[in-house]
N, C-alpha and C. Protein backbone atom coordinates (compact mmCIF):
# COMPACT_ATOMS: atom_id res chain seq x y z
N MET A 1 28.17 43.49 -13.17
CA MET A 1 29.21 42.72 -13.83
C MET A 1 28.73 42.27 -15.19
N LYS A 2 27.49 41.78 -15.27
CA LYS A 2 27.00 41.30 -16.55
C LYS A 2 26.90 42.43 -17.56
N SER A 3 26.60 43.65 -17.11
CA SER A 3 26.51 44.76 -18.05
C SER A 3 27.88 45.10 -18.62
N ILE A 4 28.93 45.01 -17.81
CA ILE A 4 30.28 45.24 -18.33
C ILE A 4 30.62 44.17 -19.36
N ARG A 5 30.34 42.93 -19.02
CA ARG A 5 30.65 41.82 -19.92
C ARG A 5 29.87 41.96 -21.22
N MET A 6 28.58 42.24 -21.13
CA MET A 6 27.77 42.38 -22.33
C MET A 6 28.23 43.57 -23.16
N GLY A 7 28.57 44.68 -22.51
CA GLY A 7 29.01 45.86 -23.22
C GLY A 7 30.31 45.62 -23.96
N LEU A 8 31.27 45.01 -23.30
CA LEU A 8 32.55 44.72 -23.94
C LEU A 8 32.39 43.71 -25.06
N THR A 9 31.62 42.67 -24.80
CA THR A 9 31.41 41.64 -25.81
C THR A 9 30.71 42.22 -27.03
N GLY A 10 29.69 43.02 -26.79
CA GLY A 10 28.97 43.64 -27.91
C GLY A 10 29.85 44.55 -28.73
N THR A 11 30.66 45.36 -28.06
CA THR A 11 31.56 46.26 -28.75
C THR A 11 32.56 45.49 -29.60
N LEU A 12 33.14 44.44 -29.04
CA LEU A 12 34.13 43.66 -29.78
C LEU A 12 33.52 42.95 -30.97
N LEU A 13 32.36 42.34 -30.78
CA LEU A 13 31.74 41.61 -31.87
C LEU A 13 31.27 42.55 -32.97
N ALA A 14 30.75 43.71 -32.60
CA ALA A 14 30.34 44.69 -33.60
C ALA A 14 31.55 45.18 -34.38
N GLY A 15 32.64 45.43 -33.70
CA GLY A 15 33.87 45.86 -34.37
C GLY A 15 34.40 44.80 -35.31
N ALA A 16 34.40 43.58 -34.87
CA ALA A 16 34.89 42.49 -35.72
C ALA A 16 33.97 42.28 -36.92
N ALA A 17 32.67 42.41 -36.73
CA ALA A 17 31.72 42.24 -37.82
C ALA A 17 31.88 43.33 -38.88
N GLY A 18 32.25 44.52 -38.46
CA GLY A 18 32.40 45.63 -39.39
C GLY A 18 33.70 45.62 -40.15
N LEU A 19 34.59 44.73 -39.83
CA LEU A 19 35.91 44.72 -40.48
C LEU A 19 35.83 44.50 -41.99
N GLY A 20 34.89 43.69 -42.42
CA GLY A 20 34.79 43.39 -43.83
C GLY A 20 34.42 44.60 -44.68
N THR A 21 33.82 45.61 -44.10
CA THR A 21 33.39 46.77 -44.87
C THR A 21 34.37 47.92 -44.79
N LEU A 22 35.45 47.75 -44.09
CA LEU A 22 36.38 48.86 -43.89
C LEU A 22 37.46 48.98 -44.96
N GLY A 23 37.62 47.98 -45.75
CA GLY A 23 38.64 48.06 -46.78
C GLY A 23 40.05 47.87 -46.24
N CYS A 24 40.19 47.38 -45.02
CA CYS A 24 41.53 47.18 -44.47
C CYS A 24 42.11 45.89 -45.03
N ASP A 25 43.41 45.72 -44.85
CA ASP A 25 44.03 44.54 -45.41
C ASP A 25 43.60 43.29 -44.66
N VAL A 26 43.76 42.17 -45.32
CA VAL A 26 43.28 40.90 -44.79
C VAL A 26 43.99 40.53 -43.49
N GLN A 27 45.30 40.74 -43.42
CA GLN A 27 46.04 40.36 -42.21
C GLN A 27 45.57 41.17 -41.01
N ARG A 28 45.35 42.47 -41.19
CA ARG A 28 44.85 43.29 -40.08
C ARG A 28 43.48 42.78 -39.63
N ALA A 29 42.63 42.44 -40.59
CA ALA A 29 41.30 41.93 -40.25
C ALA A 29 41.40 40.63 -39.45
N LEU A 30 42.31 39.75 -39.88
CA LEU A 30 42.49 38.49 -39.14
C LEU A 30 43.04 38.74 -37.74
N ASP A 31 44.04 39.62 -37.64
CA ASP A 31 44.60 39.95 -36.33
C ASP A 31 43.53 40.53 -35.41
N CYS A 32 42.73 41.43 -35.96
CA CYS A 32 41.67 42.06 -35.16
C CYS A 32 40.64 41.03 -34.71
N ALA A 33 40.26 40.15 -35.62
CA ALA A 33 39.27 39.13 -35.26
C ALA A 33 39.80 38.20 -34.19
N GLN A 34 41.06 37.77 -34.32
CA GLN A 34 41.65 36.90 -33.31
C GLN A 34 41.70 37.60 -31.95
N LEU A 35 42.13 38.84 -31.95
CA LEU A 35 42.23 39.57 -30.69
C LEU A 35 40.86 39.80 -30.09
N ALA A 36 39.88 40.15 -30.91
CA ALA A 36 38.52 40.37 -30.41
C ALA A 36 37.96 39.10 -29.78
N LEU A 37 38.18 37.96 -30.41
CA LEU A 37 37.71 36.70 -29.84
C LEU A 37 38.41 36.37 -28.53
N GLU A 38 39.72 36.61 -28.47
CA GLU A 38 40.46 36.34 -27.25
C GLU A 38 39.99 37.23 -26.11
N VAL A 39 39.80 38.52 -26.39
CA VAL A 39 39.36 39.44 -25.35
C VAL A 39 37.97 39.06 -24.88
N THR A 40 37.09 38.72 -25.80
CA THR A 40 35.73 38.32 -25.42
C THR A 40 35.77 37.09 -24.53
N SER A 41 36.58 36.11 -24.90
CA SER A 41 36.72 34.90 -24.10
C SER A 41 37.28 35.22 -22.72
N SER A 42 38.28 36.08 -22.67
CA SER A 42 38.91 36.45 -21.40
C SER A 42 37.94 37.19 -20.49
N VAL A 43 37.21 38.13 -21.05
CA VAL A 43 36.23 38.89 -20.26
C VAL A 43 35.17 37.94 -19.71
N ASP A 44 34.70 37.01 -20.53
CA ASP A 44 33.70 36.05 -20.05
C ASP A 44 34.25 35.20 -18.90
N ALA A 45 35.48 34.71 -19.05
CA ALA A 45 36.07 33.87 -18.00
C ALA A 45 36.27 34.66 -16.71
N LEU A 46 36.75 35.89 -16.82
CA LEU A 46 36.94 36.73 -15.63
C LEU A 46 35.60 37.03 -14.97
N ALA A 47 34.61 37.36 -15.78
CA ALA A 47 33.29 37.70 -15.24
C ALA A 47 32.64 36.49 -14.56
N ARG A 48 32.80 35.29 -15.14
CA ARG A 48 32.24 34.09 -14.51
C ARG A 48 32.88 33.87 -13.14
N ALA A 49 34.18 34.08 -13.03
CA ALA A 49 34.86 33.90 -11.75
C ALA A 49 34.38 34.93 -10.75
N VAL A 50 34.16 36.16 -11.19
CA VAL A 50 33.66 37.20 -10.29
C VAL A 50 32.25 36.85 -9.85
N ASP A 51 31.39 36.44 -10.80
CA ASP A 51 30.01 36.08 -10.47
C ASP A 51 29.96 34.93 -9.48
N ALA A 52 30.91 33.99 -9.60
CA ALA A 52 30.95 32.82 -8.71
C ALA A 52 31.69 33.13 -7.41
N GLU A 53 32.19 34.37 -7.29
CA GLU A 53 32.98 34.77 -6.11
C GLU A 53 34.10 33.77 -5.86
N ASP A 54 34.87 33.52 -6.93
CA ASP A 54 35.93 32.53 -6.93
C ASP A 54 37.28 33.21 -7.20
N PRO A 55 37.97 33.68 -6.15
CA PRO A 55 39.25 34.37 -6.36
C PRO A 55 40.30 33.50 -7.06
N ALA A 56 40.35 32.22 -6.75
CA ALA A 56 41.32 31.34 -7.40
C ALA A 56 40.98 31.19 -8.88
N GLY A 57 39.71 31.06 -9.19
CA GLY A 57 39.27 30.97 -10.58
C GLY A 57 39.56 32.25 -11.34
N PHE A 58 39.40 33.39 -10.65
CA PHE A 58 39.70 34.69 -11.26
C PHE A 58 41.18 34.79 -11.58
N SER A 59 42.01 34.38 -10.65
CA SER A 59 43.46 34.40 -10.87
C SER A 59 43.85 33.48 -12.02
N ASP A 60 43.25 32.30 -12.06
CA ASP A 60 43.52 31.36 -13.15
C ASP A 60 43.08 31.93 -14.50
N ALA A 61 41.90 32.56 -14.52
CA ALA A 61 41.39 33.15 -15.77
C ALA A 61 42.30 34.28 -16.24
N ALA A 62 42.79 35.09 -15.31
CA ALA A 62 43.70 36.18 -15.67
C ALA A 62 45.02 35.63 -16.21
N ASP A 63 45.54 34.59 -15.58
CA ASP A 63 46.79 33.96 -16.06
C ASP A 63 46.60 33.37 -17.46
N THR A 64 45.48 32.69 -17.66
CA THR A 64 45.20 32.10 -18.97
C THR A 64 45.08 33.19 -20.03
N ALA A 65 44.39 34.27 -19.68
CA ALA A 65 44.24 35.39 -20.63
C ALA A 65 45.60 35.97 -21.00
N GLN A 66 46.46 36.15 -20.00
CA GLN A 66 47.80 36.69 -20.28
C GLN A 66 48.58 35.76 -21.20
N ASN A 67 48.55 34.46 -20.91
CA ASN A 67 49.29 33.49 -21.73
C ASN A 67 48.76 33.46 -23.17
N ASP A 68 47.44 33.46 -23.31
CA ASP A 68 46.84 33.44 -24.64
C ASP A 68 47.18 34.70 -25.42
N LEU A 69 47.13 35.85 -24.75
CA LEU A 69 47.48 37.11 -25.41
C LEU A 69 48.95 37.13 -25.82
N ASP A 70 49.81 36.61 -24.96
CA ASP A 70 51.24 36.56 -25.29
C ASP A 70 51.46 35.75 -26.56
N GLU A 71 50.77 34.60 -26.69
CA GLU A 71 50.90 33.77 -27.87
C GLU A 71 50.39 34.50 -29.11
N LEU A 72 49.25 35.18 -28.98
CA LEU A 72 48.69 35.91 -30.11
C LEU A 72 49.59 37.06 -30.55
N ARG A 73 50.08 37.82 -29.57
CA ARG A 73 50.88 39.01 -29.89
C ARG A 73 52.11 38.67 -30.71
N ASP A 74 52.68 37.52 -30.49
CA ASP A 74 53.87 37.11 -31.24
C ASP A 74 53.58 37.00 -32.74
N GLY A 75 52.33 36.73 -33.10
CA GLY A 75 51.98 36.55 -34.50
C GLY A 75 51.41 37.78 -35.19
N PHE A 76 51.19 38.87 -34.47
CA PHE A 76 50.60 40.06 -35.09
C PHE A 76 51.63 40.80 -35.90
N SER A 77 51.29 41.08 -37.14
CA SER A 77 52.19 41.85 -38.00
C SER A 77 51.84 43.33 -38.00
N ASP A 78 50.61 43.67 -37.66
CA ASP A 78 50.16 45.06 -37.66
C ASP A 78 50.54 45.71 -36.33
N THR A 79 51.28 46.81 -36.39
CA THR A 79 51.75 47.45 -35.16
C THR A 79 50.61 48.04 -34.33
N ASP A 80 49.55 48.54 -34.98
CA ASP A 80 48.42 49.10 -34.24
C ASP A 80 47.67 48.00 -33.48
N VAL A 81 47.48 46.88 -34.12
CA VAL A 81 46.80 45.75 -33.46
C VAL A 81 47.68 45.21 -32.35
N SER A 82 48.98 45.15 -32.58
CA SER A 82 49.91 44.70 -31.55
C SER A 82 49.87 45.63 -30.34
N ALA A 83 49.81 46.95 -30.59
CA ALA A 83 49.72 47.91 -29.49
C ALA A 83 48.40 47.75 -28.74
N ALA A 84 47.32 47.47 -29.46
CA ALA A 84 46.03 47.23 -28.80
C ALA A 84 46.10 45.98 -27.94
N ALA A 85 46.78 44.95 -28.43
CA ALA A 85 46.95 43.72 -27.65
C ALA A 85 47.76 44.00 -26.39
N ASP A 86 48.78 44.85 -26.51
CA ASP A 86 49.56 45.24 -25.34
C ASP A 86 48.68 45.94 -24.31
N SER A 87 47.79 46.81 -24.77
CA SER A 87 46.89 47.52 -23.86
C SER A 87 45.93 46.56 -23.16
N VAL A 88 45.43 45.59 -23.91
CA VAL A 88 44.54 44.58 -23.32
C VAL A 88 45.30 43.78 -22.26
N ALA A 89 46.53 43.36 -22.59
CA ALA A 89 47.34 42.59 -21.64
C ALA A 89 47.62 43.41 -20.39
N GLU A 90 47.92 44.69 -20.56
CA GLU A 90 48.17 45.55 -19.40
C GLU A 90 46.92 45.71 -18.55
N ALA A 91 45.77 45.86 -19.19
CA ALA A 91 44.51 45.99 -18.44
C ALA A 91 44.22 44.73 -17.64
N ILE A 92 44.43 43.58 -18.26
CA ILE A 92 44.19 42.31 -17.55
C ILE A 92 45.18 42.16 -16.40
N GLU A 93 46.43 42.56 -16.62
CA GLU A 93 47.42 42.49 -15.55
C GLU A 93 47.01 43.39 -14.38
N ASN A 94 46.55 44.60 -14.68
CA ASN A 94 46.11 45.51 -13.62
C ASN A 94 44.91 44.96 -12.87
N ILE A 95 44.00 44.35 -13.59
CA ILE A 95 42.82 43.75 -12.95
C ILE A 95 43.24 42.59 -12.06
N ALA A 96 44.16 41.77 -12.54
CA ALA A 96 44.61 40.60 -11.77
C ALA A 96 45.33 41.00 -10.49
N GLN A 97 45.91 42.19 -10.45
CA GLN A 97 46.65 42.64 -9.27
C GLN A 97 45.75 43.26 -8.21
N GLN A 98 44.47 43.39 -8.51
CA GLN A 98 43.56 43.93 -7.51
C GLN A 98 43.42 42.93 -6.37
N PRO A 99 43.26 43.43 -5.15
CA PRO A 99 43.16 42.52 -4.00
C PRO A 99 41.96 41.58 -4.11
N ALA A 100 42.18 40.34 -3.75
CA ALA A 100 41.11 39.35 -3.76
C ALA A 100 40.20 39.54 -2.56
N GLY A 101 38.97 39.14 -2.72
CA GLY A 101 38.00 39.25 -1.63
C GLY A 101 37.41 40.64 -1.57
N GLY A 102 36.42 40.79 -0.72
CA GLY A 102 35.78 42.09 -0.58
C GLY A 102 34.94 42.40 -1.80
N SER A 103 35.13 43.60 -2.34
CA SER A 103 34.34 44.01 -3.49
C SER A 103 34.85 43.33 -4.76
N PRO A 104 33.96 43.16 -5.73
CA PRO A 104 34.39 42.53 -6.98
C PRO A 104 35.46 43.37 -7.67
N PRO A 105 36.36 42.72 -8.41
CA PRO A 105 37.40 43.47 -9.12
C PRO A 105 36.77 44.41 -10.15
N ASP A 106 37.42 45.50 -10.37
CA ASP A 106 36.96 46.49 -11.34
C ASP A 106 37.47 46.09 -12.71
N LEU A 107 36.57 45.68 -13.59
CA LEU A 107 36.95 45.27 -14.94
C LEU A 107 36.94 46.43 -15.93
N SER A 108 36.66 47.63 -15.44
CA SER A 108 36.56 48.78 -16.35
C SER A 108 37.87 49.13 -17.08
N PRO A 109 39.08 48.79 -16.57
CA PRO A 109 40.27 49.08 -17.37
C PRO A 109 40.24 48.44 -18.76
N LEU A 110 39.47 47.39 -18.90
CA LEU A 110 39.35 46.77 -20.21
C LEU A 110 38.62 47.68 -21.20
N ASN A 111 37.80 48.59 -20.71
CA ASN A 111 37.08 49.49 -21.62
C ASN A 111 38.03 50.29 -22.48
N ASN A 112 39.05 50.88 -21.87
CA ASN A 112 40.02 51.66 -22.64
C ASN A 112 40.77 50.78 -23.63
N ALA A 113 41.12 49.59 -23.20
CA ALA A 113 41.83 48.67 -24.09
C ALA A 113 40.95 48.26 -25.26
N VAL A 114 39.67 48.06 -25.00
CA VAL A 114 38.73 47.71 -26.07
C VAL A 114 38.56 48.88 -27.03
N ASP A 115 38.53 50.10 -26.48
CA ASP A 115 38.46 51.28 -27.34
C ASP A 115 39.67 51.36 -28.26
N GLU A 116 40.84 51.06 -27.72
CA GLU A 116 42.06 51.08 -28.54
C GLU A 116 42.01 49.99 -29.62
N LEU A 117 41.52 48.83 -29.24
CA LEU A 117 41.35 47.75 -30.20
C LEU A 117 40.40 48.16 -31.31
N THR A 118 39.28 48.74 -30.94
CA THR A 118 38.29 49.18 -31.92
C THR A 118 38.89 50.22 -32.87
N SER A 119 39.65 51.17 -32.31
CA SER A 119 40.31 52.18 -33.15
C SER A 119 41.32 51.56 -34.10
N ALA A 120 42.12 50.65 -33.58
CA ALA A 120 43.14 50.01 -34.42
C ALA A 120 42.50 49.21 -35.55
N CYS A 121 41.40 48.57 -35.25
CA CYS A 121 40.76 47.72 -36.25
C CYS A 121 39.92 48.53 -37.23
N ALA A 122 39.50 49.70 -36.84
CA ALA A 122 38.70 50.55 -37.72
C ALA A 122 39.57 51.43 -38.60
N SER A 123 40.85 51.53 -38.26
CA SER A 123 41.77 52.38 -39.01
C SER A 123 41.99 51.82 -40.42
N ASN A 124 42.06 52.70 -41.38
CA ASN A 124 42.31 52.28 -42.75
C ASN A 124 43.75 52.49 -43.17
N ASP A 125 44.65 52.68 -42.21
CA ASP A 125 46.05 52.92 -42.54
C ASP A 125 46.69 51.73 -43.19
């Protein structure tokens, strides 16, 4: 679990750090940074609940992530970043629907969403 969290966090922070050198517009950079921070926070909260074997905490973290993403998405002007936010929200929704108890939830759907975020933020369109 910690390797997934560290991998996602590292990818997001590296992508956000590289935004200044890409020549993209300021609004896209801000949208990407906000989304990267939200995803990092959400992944950390979900991973903490999994590590603590706390299904209720996991459900609460997923709900909070969805609500926070919904608020952010309303303010995104860049369609690529908005689509990446939609992918992240869908990944979190899919993770939240996994059965509680037993084996830890599979957080790997976030990998594809993070890849989409990285692509959207690295694009010079």
